[in-house]
N, C-alpha and C. Protein backbone atom coordinates (compact mmCIF):
# COMPACT_ATOMS: atom_id res chain seq x y z
N MET A 1 -20.60 -41.96 166.15
CA MET A 1 -20.05 -42.74 167.25
C MET A 1 -20.04 -41.95 168.55
N VAL A 2 -19.72 -40.67 168.43
CA VAL A 2 -19.69 -39.83 169.63
C VAL A 2 -21.10 -39.65 170.19
N LEU A 3 -22.05 -39.37 169.30
CA LEU A 3 -23.44 -39.24 169.76
C LEU A 3 -23.93 -40.54 170.38
N ALA A 4 -23.59 -41.66 169.77
CA ALA A 4 -24.01 -42.95 170.31
C ALA A 4 -23.45 -43.16 171.71
N ALA A 5 -22.18 -42.79 171.92
CA ALA A 5 -21.58 -42.94 173.25
C ALA A 5 -22.29 -42.08 174.28
N GLY A 6 -22.60 -40.84 173.90
CA GLY A 6 -23.30 -39.94 174.82
C GLY A 6 -24.67 -40.46 175.19
N TYR A 7 -25.43 -40.92 174.20
CA TYR A 7 -26.78 -41.40 174.48
C TYR A 7 -26.77 -42.78 175.13
N PHE A 8 -25.73 -43.55 174.89
CA PHE A 8 -25.56 -44.80 175.63
C PHE A 8 -25.41 -44.48 177.12
N GLY A 9 -24.59 -43.47 177.42
CA GLY A 9 -24.43 -43.04 178.81
C GLY A 9 -25.71 -42.50 179.40
N PHE A 10 -26.49 -41.76 178.60
CA PHE A 10 -27.76 -41.23 179.09
C PHE A 10 -28.73 -42.36 179.42
N GLY A 11 -28.80 -43.37 178.54
CA GLY A 11 -29.66 -44.51 178.81
C GLY A 11 -29.25 -45.25 180.07
N ALA A 12 -27.92 -45.37 180.28
CA ALA A 12 -27.42 -46.04 181.48
C ALA A 12 -27.75 -45.23 182.73
N LEU A 13 -27.62 -43.91 182.64
CA LEU A 13 -27.97 -43.06 183.79
C LEU A 13 -29.46 -43.17 184.12
N ALA A 14 -30.28 -43.18 183.08
CA ALA A 14 -31.72 -43.30 183.30
C ALA A 14 -32.05 -44.61 184.01
N SER A 15 -31.43 -45.70 183.57
CA SER A 15 -31.68 -46.99 184.19
C SER A 15 -31.18 -47.01 185.63
N GLY A 16 -29.99 -46.45 185.87
CA GLY A 16 -29.43 -46.45 187.22
C GLY A 16 -30.21 -45.61 188.20
N ASN A 17 -31.00 -44.66 187.68
CA ASN A 17 -31.80 -43.80 188.57
C ASN A 17 -33.28 -44.16 188.52
N ASP A 18 -33.60 -45.34 187.99
CA ASP A 18 -34.99 -45.82 187.92
C ASP A 18 -35.88 -44.88 187.12
N PHE A 19 -35.31 -44.25 186.11
CA PHE A 19 -36.09 -43.41 185.19
C PHE A 19 -36.65 -44.34 184.11
N PRO A 20 -37.95 -44.31 183.83
CA PRO A 20 -38.54 -45.28 182.90
C PRO A 20 -37.92 -45.21 181.50
N LEU A 21 -37.83 -46.36 180.86
CA LEU A 21 -37.27 -46.41 179.51
C LEU A 21 -38.12 -45.60 178.53
N TRP A 22 -39.45 -45.69 178.67
CA TRP A 22 -40.31 -44.97 177.74
C TRP A 22 -40.09 -43.46 177.85
N ALA A 23 -39.84 -42.98 179.07
CA ALA A 23 -39.61 -41.55 179.26
C ALA A 23 -38.25 -41.14 178.69
N ALA A 24 -37.24 -42.00 178.88
CA ALA A 24 -35.92 -41.71 178.32
C ALA A 24 -35.98 -41.67 176.79
N LEU A 25 -36.69 -42.63 176.21
CA LEU A 25 -36.84 -42.66 174.75
C LEU A 25 -37.63 -41.46 174.24
N LEU A 26 -38.68 -41.11 174.95
CA LEU A 26 -39.50 -39.96 174.54
C LEU A 26 -38.68 -38.67 174.59
N SER A 27 -37.81 -38.55 175.59
CA SER A 27 -36.99 -37.34 175.68
C SER A 27 -35.98 -37.29 174.53
N THR A 28 -35.42 -38.45 174.15
CA THR A 28 -34.50 -38.48 173.02
C THR A 28 -35.21 -38.14 171.73
N ALA A 29 -36.42 -38.68 171.57
CA ALA A 29 -37.18 -38.44 170.34
C ALA A 29 -37.62 -37.00 170.21
N SER A 30 -38.01 -36.38 171.31
CA SER A 30 -38.61 -35.04 171.23
C SER A 30 -37.63 -33.90 171.52
N ILE A 31 -36.73 -34.09 172.48
CA ILE A 31 -35.78 -33.03 172.83
C ILE A 31 -34.53 -33.13 171.97
N PHE A 32 -33.97 -34.33 171.85
CA PHE A 32 -32.81 -34.62 171.00
C PHE A 32 -31.64 -33.67 171.30
N ALA A 33 -31.37 -33.49 172.59
CA ALA A 33 -30.26 -32.64 173.03
C ALA A 33 -29.90 -33.08 174.45
N LEU A 34 -28.69 -33.58 174.63
CA LEU A 34 -28.32 -34.14 175.92
C LEU A 34 -28.41 -33.16 177.09
N PRO A 35 -27.99 -31.90 176.95
CA PRO A 35 -28.10 -30.99 178.11
C PRO A 35 -29.53 -30.87 178.62
N GLY A 36 -30.48 -30.72 177.71
CA GLY A 36 -31.87 -30.63 178.12
C GLY A 36 -32.39 -31.93 178.71
N GLN A 37 -31.95 -33.05 178.15
CA GLN A 37 -32.41 -34.35 178.66
C GLN A 37 -31.83 -34.64 180.04
N LEU A 38 -30.59 -34.24 180.27
CA LEU A 38 -30.00 -34.43 181.59
C LEU A 38 -30.71 -33.55 182.63
N ALA A 39 -31.07 -32.33 182.22
CA ALA A 39 -31.82 -31.45 183.12
C ALA A 39 -33.19 -32.06 183.43
N LEU A 40 -33.84 -32.60 182.39
CA LEU A 40 -35.13 -33.26 182.59
C LEU A 40 -35.01 -34.44 183.55
N LEU A 41 -33.98 -35.25 183.37
CA LEU A 41 -33.78 -36.42 184.22
C LEU A 41 -33.55 -36.01 185.67
N GLU A 42 -32.63 -35.09 185.87
CA GLU A 42 -32.28 -34.69 187.24
C GLU A 42 -33.45 -34.02 187.95
N MET A 43 -34.13 -33.12 187.26
CA MET A 43 -35.22 -32.39 187.89
C MET A 43 -36.44 -33.27 188.13
N SER A 44 -36.68 -34.22 187.23
CA SER A 44 -37.80 -35.14 187.42
C SER A 44 -37.57 -36.01 188.64
N LEU A 45 -36.34 -36.48 188.81
CA LEU A 45 -36.03 -37.34 189.95
C LEU A 45 -36.11 -36.59 191.27
N SER A 46 -35.86 -35.27 191.23
CA SER A 46 -35.91 -34.47 192.45
C SER A 46 -37.31 -33.98 192.78
N GLY A 47 -38.29 -34.29 191.92
CA GLY A 47 -39.67 -33.90 192.19
C GLY A 47 -40.00 -32.46 191.84
N THR A 48 -39.26 -31.86 190.93
CA THR A 48 -39.51 -30.47 190.53
C THR A 48 -40.83 -30.37 189.77
N PHE A 49 -41.51 -29.24 189.91
CA PHE A 49 -42.77 -29.01 189.21
C PHE A 49 -42.56 -29.10 187.70
N ALA A 50 -43.57 -29.66 187.02
CA ALA A 50 -43.46 -29.86 185.57
C ALA A 50 -43.24 -28.55 184.83
N SER A 51 -43.90 -27.47 185.28
CA SER A 51 -43.74 -26.18 184.59
C SER A 51 -42.30 -25.68 184.67
N VAL A 52 -41.65 -25.91 185.80
CA VAL A 52 -40.25 -25.48 185.96
C VAL A 52 -39.34 -26.33 185.07
N ILE A 53 -39.65 -27.62 184.97
CA ILE A 53 -38.85 -28.50 184.12
C ILE A 53 -38.95 -28.06 182.66
N VAL A 54 -40.17 -27.78 182.22
CA VAL A 54 -40.37 -27.34 180.83
C VAL A 54 -39.62 -26.05 180.56
N LEU A 55 -39.67 -25.09 181.49
CA LEU A 55 -38.97 -23.83 181.31
C LEU A 55 -37.46 -24.04 181.25
N THR A 56 -36.94 -24.87 182.13
CA THR A 56 -35.50 -25.12 182.17
C THR A 56 -35.02 -25.80 180.89
N VAL A 57 -35.74 -26.83 180.47
CA VAL A 57 -35.35 -27.53 179.24
C VAL A 57 -35.43 -26.59 178.04
N SER A 58 -36.43 -25.73 178.02
CA SER A 58 -36.55 -24.76 176.93
C SER A 58 -35.36 -23.80 176.90
N LEU A 59 -34.92 -23.37 178.07
CA LEU A 59 -33.77 -22.46 178.13
C LEU A 59 -32.49 -23.15 177.64
N THR A 60 -32.34 -24.43 177.96
CA THR A 60 -31.15 -25.13 177.48
C THR A 60 -31.14 -25.26 175.96
N ALA A 61 -32.32 -25.16 175.34
CA ALA A 61 -32.42 -25.30 173.89
C ALA A 61 -32.34 -23.96 173.17
N ALA A 62 -32.09 -22.88 173.88
CA ALA A 62 -32.06 -21.57 173.26
C ALA A 62 -30.98 -21.47 172.18
N ARG A 63 -29.93 -22.29 172.31
CA ARG A 63 -28.84 -22.23 171.33
C ARG A 63 -29.29 -22.65 169.93
N PHE A 64 -30.41 -23.36 169.84
CA PHE A 64 -30.87 -23.80 168.54
C PHE A 64 -31.46 -22.67 167.69
N LEU A 65 -31.82 -21.56 168.33
CA LEU A 65 -32.37 -20.44 167.56
C LEU A 65 -31.32 -19.85 166.61
N PRO A 66 -30.13 -19.46 167.09
CA PRO A 66 -29.14 -18.95 166.13
C PRO A 66 -28.67 -20.02 165.14
N MET A 67 -28.67 -21.28 165.55
CA MET A 67 -28.32 -22.34 164.60
C MET A 67 -29.33 -22.40 163.46
N SER A 68 -30.62 -22.33 163.82
CA SER A 68 -31.67 -22.38 162.80
C SER A 68 -31.60 -21.16 161.89
N VAL A 69 -31.34 -20.00 162.48
CA VAL A 69 -31.29 -18.76 161.70
C VAL A 69 -30.17 -18.81 160.66
N THR A 70 -29.04 -19.45 161.00
CA THR A 70 -27.92 -19.51 160.06
C THR A 70 -28.06 -20.66 159.05
N LEU A 71 -28.71 -21.76 159.44
CA LEU A 71 -28.77 -22.92 158.56
C LEU A 71 -29.95 -22.92 157.61
N ILE A 72 -31.13 -22.52 158.08
CA ILE A 72 -32.34 -22.61 157.25
C ILE A 72 -32.21 -21.84 155.94
N PRO A 73 -31.66 -20.62 155.92
CA PRO A 73 -31.51 -19.94 154.63
C PRO A 73 -30.62 -20.69 153.64
N VAL A 74 -29.65 -21.44 154.16
CA VAL A 74 -28.77 -22.22 153.28
C VAL A 74 -29.53 -23.41 152.68
N LEU A 75 -30.48 -23.96 153.45
CA LEU A 75 -31.24 -25.12 152.99
C LEU A 75 -32.42 -24.74 152.10
N ARG A 76 -32.87 -23.51 152.17
CA ARG A 76 -34.09 -23.10 151.47
C ARG A 76 -33.91 -23.23 149.95
N THR A 77 -34.91 -23.83 149.31
CA THR A 77 -34.91 -24.00 147.86
C THR A 77 -36.17 -23.37 147.29
N PRO A 78 -36.07 -22.50 146.28
CA PRO A 78 -37.26 -21.88 145.68
C PRO A 78 -38.25 -22.94 145.20
N GLY A 79 -39.51 -22.75 145.56
CA GLY A 79 -40.56 -23.66 145.14
C GLY A 79 -40.82 -24.81 146.09
N ARG A 80 -39.94 -25.03 147.07
CA ARG A 80 -40.16 -26.12 148.03
C ARG A 80 -41.07 -25.62 149.14
N PRO A 81 -42.07 -26.42 149.56
CA PRO A 81 -43.00 -25.98 150.61
C PRO A 81 -42.28 -25.65 151.91
N ALA A 82 -42.79 -24.66 152.62
CA ALA A 82 -42.14 -24.21 153.86
C ALA A 82 -42.16 -25.29 154.94
N TRP A 83 -43.16 -26.17 154.93
CA TRP A 83 -43.25 -27.18 155.98
C TRP A 83 -42.07 -28.15 155.92
N HIS A 84 -41.45 -28.29 154.76
CA HIS A 84 -40.25 -29.13 154.67
C HIS A 84 -39.15 -28.57 155.58
N LEU A 85 -39.01 -27.27 155.57
CA LEU A 85 -38.00 -26.63 156.42
C LEU A 85 -38.37 -26.74 157.89
N TYR A 86 -39.68 -26.60 158.20
CA TYR A 86 -40.11 -26.72 159.59
C TYR A 86 -39.84 -28.13 160.12
N PHE A 87 -40.05 -29.14 159.27
CA PHE A 87 -39.76 -30.51 159.67
C PHE A 87 -38.25 -30.68 159.88
N ALA A 88 -37.46 -30.16 158.97
CA ALA A 88 -36.01 -30.29 159.07
C ALA A 88 -35.48 -29.63 160.33
N ALA A 89 -36.08 -28.51 160.73
CA ALA A 89 -35.62 -27.79 161.92
C ALA A 89 -35.78 -28.64 163.18
N GLN A 90 -36.74 -29.56 163.20
CA GLN A 90 -36.94 -30.41 164.38
C GLN A 90 -35.81 -31.43 164.54
N LEU A 91 -35.05 -31.67 163.48
CA LEU A 91 -33.94 -32.61 163.53
C LEU A 91 -32.61 -31.94 163.83
N LEU A 92 -32.65 -30.64 164.03
CA LEU A 92 -31.42 -29.88 164.22
C LEU A 92 -30.75 -30.24 165.54
N ALA A 93 -29.47 -30.50 165.48
CA ALA A 93 -28.64 -30.74 166.66
C ALA A 93 -27.25 -30.20 166.36
N MET A 94 -26.41 -30.17 167.37
CA MET A 94 -25.10 -29.58 167.21
C MET A 94 -24.30 -30.26 166.11
N THR A 95 -24.30 -31.58 166.11
CA THR A 95 -23.53 -32.32 165.11
C THR A 95 -24.06 -32.07 163.71
N GLY A 96 -25.38 -32.15 163.54
CA GLY A 96 -25.97 -31.91 162.24
C GLY A 96 -25.72 -30.50 161.74
N TRP A 97 -25.79 -29.54 162.65
CA TRP A 97 -25.56 -28.14 162.26
C TRP A 97 -24.12 -27.93 161.81
N ALA A 98 -23.16 -28.41 162.59
CA ALA A 98 -21.76 -28.20 162.27
C ALA A 98 -21.38 -28.88 160.96
N ALA A 99 -21.84 -30.13 160.78
CA ALA A 99 -21.52 -30.85 159.55
C ALA A 99 -22.19 -30.20 158.34
N SER A 100 -23.42 -29.74 158.52
CA SER A 100 -24.15 -29.14 157.40
C SER A 100 -23.57 -27.79 157.00
N MET A 101 -23.18 -26.99 157.95
CA MET A 101 -22.61 -25.68 157.62
C MET A 101 -21.29 -25.84 156.86
N ARG A 102 -20.62 -26.97 157.04
CA ARG A 102 -19.39 -27.23 156.31
C ARG A 102 -19.65 -27.85 154.94
N ARG A 103 -20.60 -28.77 154.88
CA ARG A 103 -20.80 -29.56 153.67
C ARG A 103 -21.87 -29.02 152.74
N VAL A 104 -22.98 -28.53 153.29
CA VAL A 104 -24.14 -28.17 152.47
C VAL A 104 -23.85 -27.06 151.45
N PRO A 105 -23.11 -25.99 151.80
CA PRO A 105 -22.88 -24.95 150.80
C PRO A 105 -22.17 -25.44 149.54
N GLU A 106 -21.50 -26.58 149.61
CA GLU A 106 -20.81 -27.12 148.45
C GLU A 106 -21.75 -27.87 147.50
N LEU A 107 -22.97 -28.17 147.96
CA LEU A 107 -23.91 -28.96 147.18
C LEU A 107 -24.80 -28.08 146.31
N PRO A 108 -25.33 -28.62 145.22
CA PRO A 108 -26.35 -27.89 144.44
C PRO A 108 -27.57 -27.63 145.31
N GLN A 109 -28.25 -26.53 145.05
CA GLN A 109 -29.36 -26.12 145.90
C GLN A 109 -30.41 -27.21 146.13
N PRO A 110 -30.84 -27.96 145.10
CA PRO A 110 -31.88 -28.98 145.33
C PRO A 110 -31.44 -30.13 146.22
N GLN A 111 -30.14 -30.35 146.37
CA GLN A 111 -29.65 -31.47 147.16
C GLN A 111 -29.40 -31.13 148.63
N ARG A 112 -29.45 -29.88 148.97
CA ARG A 112 -29.05 -29.46 150.31
C ARG A 112 -30.00 -29.96 151.40
N LEU A 113 -31.28 -29.71 151.23
CA LEU A 113 -32.24 -30.13 152.26
C LEU A 113 -32.29 -31.66 152.39
N PRO A 114 -32.34 -32.42 151.29
CA PRO A 114 -32.31 -33.89 151.43
C PRO A 114 -31.04 -34.39 152.13
N TRP A 115 -29.91 -33.76 151.85
CA TRP A 115 -28.66 -34.18 152.51
C TRP A 115 -28.76 -33.97 154.02
N PHE A 116 -29.23 -32.80 154.41
CA PHE A 116 -29.34 -32.50 155.84
C PHE A 116 -30.31 -33.45 156.53
N VAL A 117 -31.48 -33.67 155.93
CA VAL A 117 -32.49 -34.53 156.55
C VAL A 117 -31.95 -35.95 156.67
N GLY A 118 -31.29 -36.44 155.63
CA GLY A 118 -30.73 -37.79 155.69
C GLY A 118 -29.68 -37.92 156.78
N PHE A 119 -28.79 -36.94 156.87
CA PHE A 119 -27.73 -36.97 157.88
C PHE A 119 -28.31 -36.84 159.29
N ALA A 120 -29.19 -35.87 159.49
CA ALA A 120 -29.75 -35.61 160.81
C ALA A 120 -30.66 -36.75 161.26
N LEU A 121 -31.44 -37.31 160.34
CA LEU A 121 -32.34 -38.39 160.69
C LEU A 121 -31.56 -39.65 161.07
N THR A 122 -30.45 -39.88 160.40
CA THR A 122 -29.58 -41.00 160.78
C THR A 122 -29.06 -40.83 162.20
N ASN A 123 -28.61 -39.63 162.52
CA ASN A 123 -28.14 -39.35 163.88
C ASN A 123 -29.25 -39.60 164.91
N TRP A 124 -30.45 -39.17 164.57
CA TRP A 124 -31.60 -39.31 165.48
C TRP A 124 -31.89 -40.78 165.76
N VAL A 125 -31.90 -41.60 164.71
CA VAL A 125 -32.16 -43.03 164.87
C VAL A 125 -31.06 -43.69 165.70
N VAL A 126 -29.81 -43.34 165.43
CA VAL A 126 -28.68 -43.89 166.19
C VAL A 126 -28.81 -43.55 167.67
N CYS A 127 -29.22 -42.33 167.97
CA CYS A 127 -29.37 -41.91 169.37
C CYS A 127 -30.51 -42.66 170.06
N MET A 128 -31.59 -42.94 169.34
CA MET A 128 -32.68 -43.72 169.91
C MET A 128 -32.20 -45.13 170.25
N VAL A 129 -31.48 -45.74 169.33
CA VAL A 129 -30.98 -47.10 169.56
C VAL A 129 -29.99 -47.11 170.71
N ALA A 130 -29.10 -46.11 170.76
CA ALA A 130 -28.09 -46.04 171.82
C ALA A 130 -28.74 -45.84 173.19
N THR A 131 -29.84 -45.09 173.25
CA THR A 131 -30.55 -44.91 174.52
C THR A 131 -31.07 -46.24 175.05
N VAL A 132 -31.65 -47.02 174.16
CA VAL A 132 -32.17 -48.34 174.55
C VAL A 132 -31.02 -49.26 174.98
N ALA A 133 -29.93 -49.24 174.20
CA ALA A 133 -28.80 -50.12 174.52
C ALA A 133 -28.18 -49.74 175.86
N GLY A 134 -28.02 -48.45 176.11
CA GLY A 134 -27.46 -48.02 177.39
C GLY A 134 -28.35 -48.39 178.56
N PHE A 135 -29.65 -48.26 178.36
CA PHE A 135 -30.60 -48.62 179.42
C PHE A 135 -30.52 -50.12 179.73
N GLY A 136 -30.42 -50.92 178.67
CA GLY A 136 -30.40 -52.36 178.88
C GLY A 136 -29.10 -52.89 179.44
N LEU A 137 -27.99 -52.22 179.13
CA LEU A 137 -26.68 -52.71 179.56
C LEU A 137 -26.12 -51.93 180.75
N ALA A 138 -26.95 -51.14 181.39
CA ALA A 138 -26.48 -50.26 182.48
C ALA A 138 -25.81 -51.04 183.60
N ASP A 139 -26.35 -52.19 183.93
CA ASP A 139 -25.82 -52.95 185.06
C ASP A 139 -24.42 -53.48 184.82
N SER A 140 -24.02 -53.55 183.55
CA SER A 140 -22.68 -54.06 183.24
C SER A 140 -21.62 -52.97 183.22
N LEU A 141 -22.03 -51.72 183.41
CA LEU A 141 -21.09 -50.60 183.36
C LEU A 141 -20.68 -50.17 184.77
N PRO A 142 -19.40 -49.82 184.96
CA PRO A 142 -19.00 -49.21 186.24
C PRO A 142 -19.75 -47.90 186.47
N VAL A 143 -19.95 -47.56 187.73
CA VAL A 143 -20.75 -46.38 188.06
C VAL A 143 -20.17 -45.11 187.46
N LEU A 144 -18.85 -44.95 187.47
CA LEU A 144 -18.22 -43.72 186.98
C LEU A 144 -18.24 -43.63 185.45
N VAL A 145 -18.42 -44.75 184.77
CA VAL A 145 -18.41 -44.73 183.31
C VAL A 145 -19.69 -44.10 182.76
N ARG A 146 -20.80 -44.25 183.46
CA ARG A 146 -22.08 -43.74 182.96
C ARG A 146 -22.06 -42.24 182.71
N PRO A 147 -21.71 -41.42 183.72
CA PRO A 147 -21.65 -39.98 183.44
C PRO A 147 -20.50 -39.61 182.51
N ALA A 148 -19.41 -40.39 182.52
CA ALA A 148 -18.28 -40.08 181.65
C ALA A 148 -18.67 -40.17 180.18
N LEU A 149 -19.48 -41.16 179.84
CA LEU A 149 -19.92 -41.30 178.45
C LEU A 149 -20.78 -40.12 178.01
N VAL A 150 -21.60 -39.62 178.94
CA VAL A 150 -22.46 -38.49 178.61
C VAL A 150 -21.63 -37.27 178.21
N PHE A 151 -20.49 -37.06 178.88
CA PHE A 151 -19.71 -35.85 178.64
C PHE A 151 -18.71 -36.02 177.50
N VAL A 152 -18.74 -37.17 176.82
CA VAL A 152 -17.95 -37.30 175.59
C VAL A 152 -18.48 -36.33 174.54
N GLY A 153 -19.80 -36.17 174.50
CA GLY A 153 -20.43 -35.29 173.52
C GLY A 153 -19.97 -33.85 173.58
N PRO A 154 -20.11 -33.19 174.75
CA PRO A 154 -19.66 -31.79 174.83
C PRO A 154 -18.18 -31.60 174.47
N LEU A 155 -17.33 -32.55 174.86
CA LEU A 155 -15.92 -32.44 174.49
C LEU A 155 -15.75 -32.52 172.98
N TYR A 156 -16.49 -33.42 172.34
CA TYR A 156 -16.44 -33.55 170.89
C TYR A 156 -16.92 -32.27 170.21
N PHE A 157 -18.01 -31.68 170.71
CA PHE A 157 -18.53 -30.45 170.12
C PHE A 157 -17.52 -29.33 170.22
N LEU A 158 -16.82 -29.24 171.35
CA LEU A 158 -15.80 -28.22 171.52
C LEU A 158 -14.69 -28.39 170.50
N LEU A 159 -14.22 -29.62 170.34
CA LEU A 159 -13.15 -29.88 169.37
C LEU A 159 -13.64 -29.63 167.95
N LEU A 160 -14.90 -29.99 167.67
CA LEU A 160 -15.46 -29.78 166.35
C LEU A 160 -15.54 -28.30 166.01
N LEU A 161 -16.05 -27.50 166.94
CA LEU A 161 -16.14 -26.06 166.71
C LEU A 161 -14.75 -25.44 166.55
N THR A 162 -13.81 -25.87 167.38
CA THR A 162 -12.46 -25.33 167.31
C THR A 162 -11.82 -25.65 165.97
N GLY A 163 -12.02 -26.88 165.49
CA GLY A 163 -11.42 -27.28 164.23
C GLY A 163 -12.05 -26.63 163.02
N GLU A 164 -13.36 -26.31 163.10
CA GLU A 164 -14.06 -25.76 161.95
C GLU A 164 -14.07 -24.24 161.91
N THR A 165 -13.65 -23.61 163.00
CA THR A 165 -13.69 -22.15 163.05
C THR A 165 -12.54 -21.56 162.24
N ARG A 166 -12.89 -20.75 161.26
CA ARG A 166 -11.87 -20.14 160.40
C ARG A 166 -11.93 -18.61 160.41
N THR A 167 -13.04 -18.05 160.89
CA THR A 167 -13.20 -16.60 160.85
C THR A 167 -12.72 -15.95 162.14
N ARG A 168 -12.40 -14.68 162.05
CA ARG A 168 -11.97 -13.94 163.23
C ARG A 168 -13.08 -13.85 164.26
N GLN A 169 -14.33 -13.70 163.80
CA GLN A 169 -15.45 -13.63 164.73
C GLN A 169 -15.58 -14.92 165.52
N GLY A 170 -15.48 -16.07 164.82
CA GLY A 170 -15.62 -17.35 165.50
C GLY A 170 -14.50 -17.62 166.49
N ILE A 171 -13.28 -17.29 166.09
CA ILE A 171 -12.14 -17.50 166.98
C ILE A 171 -12.25 -16.62 168.22
N THR A 172 -12.66 -15.37 168.02
CA THR A 172 -12.81 -14.46 169.15
C THR A 172 -13.90 -14.93 170.10
N ALA A 173 -15.02 -15.43 169.54
CA ALA A 173 -16.11 -15.92 170.38
C ALA A 173 -15.68 -17.13 171.20
N LEU A 174 -14.96 -18.06 170.58
CA LEU A 174 -14.49 -19.24 171.31
C LEU A 174 -13.52 -18.85 172.41
N ALA A 175 -12.61 -17.92 172.11
CA ALA A 175 -11.62 -17.50 173.10
C ALA A 175 -12.29 -16.80 174.28
N CYS A 176 -13.23 -15.92 174.00
CA CYS A 176 -13.92 -15.21 175.09
C CYS A 176 -14.74 -16.17 175.93
N GLY A 177 -15.41 -17.12 175.28
CA GLY A 177 -16.19 -18.09 176.03
C GLY A 177 -15.31 -18.97 176.90
N ALA A 178 -14.14 -19.35 176.38
CA ALA A 178 -13.23 -20.21 177.15
C ALA A 178 -12.69 -19.50 178.38
N VAL A 179 -12.53 -18.18 178.31
CA VAL A 179 -12.01 -17.42 179.45
C VAL A 179 -13.12 -17.05 180.42
N VAL A 180 -14.23 -16.55 179.89
CA VAL A 180 -15.30 -16.04 180.74
C VAL A 180 -16.06 -17.18 181.42
N GLY A 181 -16.30 -18.29 180.70
CA GLY A 181 -17.09 -19.38 181.25
C GLY A 181 -16.60 -19.89 182.60
N PRO A 182 -15.33 -20.30 182.72
CA PRO A 182 -14.83 -20.78 184.02
C PRO A 182 -14.87 -19.72 185.11
N LEU A 183 -14.62 -18.45 184.74
CA LEU A 183 -14.64 -17.38 185.74
C LEU A 183 -16.04 -17.19 186.30
N VAL A 184 -17.03 -17.21 185.42
CA VAL A 184 -18.42 -17.05 185.87
C VAL A 184 -18.83 -18.26 186.72
N HIS A 185 -18.34 -19.43 186.38
CA HIS A 185 -18.68 -20.64 187.14
C HIS A 185 -18.21 -20.54 188.58
N LEU A 186 -17.10 -19.86 188.80
CA LEU A 186 -16.61 -19.69 190.17
C LEU A 186 -17.56 -18.83 191.00
N ILE A 187 -18.25 -17.92 190.34
CA ILE A 187 -19.15 -17.00 191.05
C ILE A 187 -20.55 -17.59 191.17
N SER A 188 -21.05 -18.15 190.07
CA SER A 188 -22.43 -18.67 190.06
C SER A 188 -22.49 -19.94 189.23
N PRO A 189 -22.22 -21.10 189.82
CA PRO A 189 -22.24 -22.36 189.06
C PRO A 189 -23.59 -22.64 188.39
N GLN A 190 -24.69 -22.27 189.07
CA GLN A 190 -26.01 -22.59 188.54
C GLN A 190 -26.31 -21.82 187.25
N TRP A 191 -25.77 -20.61 187.14
CA TRP A 191 -26.05 -19.76 185.98
C TRP A 191 -24.83 -19.59 185.07
N SER A 192 -23.83 -20.42 185.25
CA SER A 192 -22.57 -20.20 184.53
C SER A 192 -22.71 -20.37 183.02
N VAL A 193 -23.55 -21.31 182.58
CA VAL A 193 -23.69 -21.53 181.14
C VAL A 193 -24.37 -20.33 180.47
N VAL A 194 -25.49 -19.89 181.07
CA VAL A 194 -26.23 -18.76 180.50
C VAL A 194 -25.41 -17.48 180.57
N LEU A 195 -24.89 -17.16 181.76
CA LEU A 195 -24.14 -15.92 181.93
C LEU A 195 -22.81 -15.96 181.18
N GLY A 196 -22.17 -17.13 181.17
CA GLY A 196 -20.91 -17.25 180.44
C GLY A 196 -21.10 -17.01 178.96
N GLY A 197 -22.17 -17.58 178.40
CA GLY A 197 -22.46 -17.36 176.99
C GLY A 197 -22.83 -15.92 176.69
N LEU A 198 -23.65 -15.33 177.56
CA LEU A 198 -24.09 -13.95 177.35
C LEU A 198 -22.92 -12.97 177.45
N ILE A 199 -22.14 -13.10 178.52
CA ILE A 199 -21.03 -12.17 178.73
C ILE A 199 -19.92 -12.41 177.70
N GLY A 200 -19.57 -13.70 177.50
CA GLY A 200 -18.51 -14.01 176.53
C GLY A 200 -18.89 -13.61 175.13
N GLY A 201 -20.14 -13.88 174.73
CA GLY A 201 -20.58 -13.50 173.39
C GLY A 201 -20.64 -12.00 173.20
N THR A 202 -21.13 -11.28 174.22
CA THR A 202 -21.18 -9.81 174.14
C THR A 202 -19.77 -9.23 174.05
N LEU A 203 -18.85 -9.78 174.83
CA LEU A 203 -17.47 -9.31 174.79
C LEU A 203 -16.85 -9.55 173.42
N ALA A 204 -17.10 -10.74 172.85
CA ALA A 204 -16.55 -11.04 171.52
C ALA A 204 -17.14 -10.11 170.47
N TRP A 205 -18.45 -9.89 170.54
CA TRP A 205 -19.11 -8.99 169.59
C TRP A 205 -18.54 -7.58 169.69
N THR A 206 -18.29 -7.13 170.92
CA THR A 206 -17.74 -5.80 171.14
C THR A 206 -16.32 -5.70 170.58
N LEU A 207 -15.50 -6.71 170.83
CA LEU A 207 -14.11 -6.69 170.37
C LEU A 207 -14.04 -6.69 168.84
N VAL A 208 -14.85 -7.55 168.22
CA VAL A 208 -14.84 -7.61 166.76
C VAL A 208 -15.38 -6.32 166.15
N GLY A 209 -16.45 -5.78 166.75
CA GLY A 209 -17.01 -4.53 166.24
C GLY A 209 -16.06 -3.37 166.38
N THR A 210 -15.33 -3.32 167.50
CA THR A 210 -14.37 -2.24 167.73
C THR A 210 -13.21 -2.32 166.75
N SER A 211 -12.76 -3.54 166.47
CA SER A 211 -11.62 -3.70 165.57
C SER A 211 -11.95 -3.32 164.13
N ARG A 212 -13.26 -3.31 163.78
CA ARG A 212 -13.65 -2.96 162.41
C ARG A 212 -13.76 -1.47 162.19
N LYS A 213 -13.84 -0.70 163.29
CA LYS A 213 -14.00 0.74 163.14
C LYS A 213 -12.72 1.36 162.59
N PRO A 214 -12.85 2.34 161.68
CA PRO A 214 -11.66 2.98 161.11
C PRO A 214 -10.93 3.81 162.16
């Protein structure tokens, strides 16, 4: 429901800015991450060079690397072809990763990859449908509601991570990010996400590593 609300808002924003439906759908199908899609939408409308758009969207997706590194070993099953995992990685999103890291370890090894693919593929289809619905119903929404729906997702992810974090490392990382992120934004809004994550994560890693030393 949260993903549907976010992508409904994205579809409405695309329609309100005369962004073609086929392009909005293609971005949902291929990028499947609202931050990157919003960057694509904004930069495309401003006439930014395609190479710069590709680089920017790629940078917004950098968070999927550590997600893949932590999830793929859990999904791996002896004897299953590697391309199954490569296909599954294309469906990875924040919601699928968080739910899978909680649920998948409890399942027998042969059921893990099918569970993830079924869950993630359902999310993907829902987001495609929500994009179309938001695009078609954009004119019936108040102007302020369109961007508000988009930001339901990030708020949900924050609450999801906070609720699922049980380790000292995770709690420290969330706390450092919550403090450092707004401070960096005051200095450099354009680079606040990248620098906030880098500085906050490094600080958390340092604090946890120091506390482990005898």
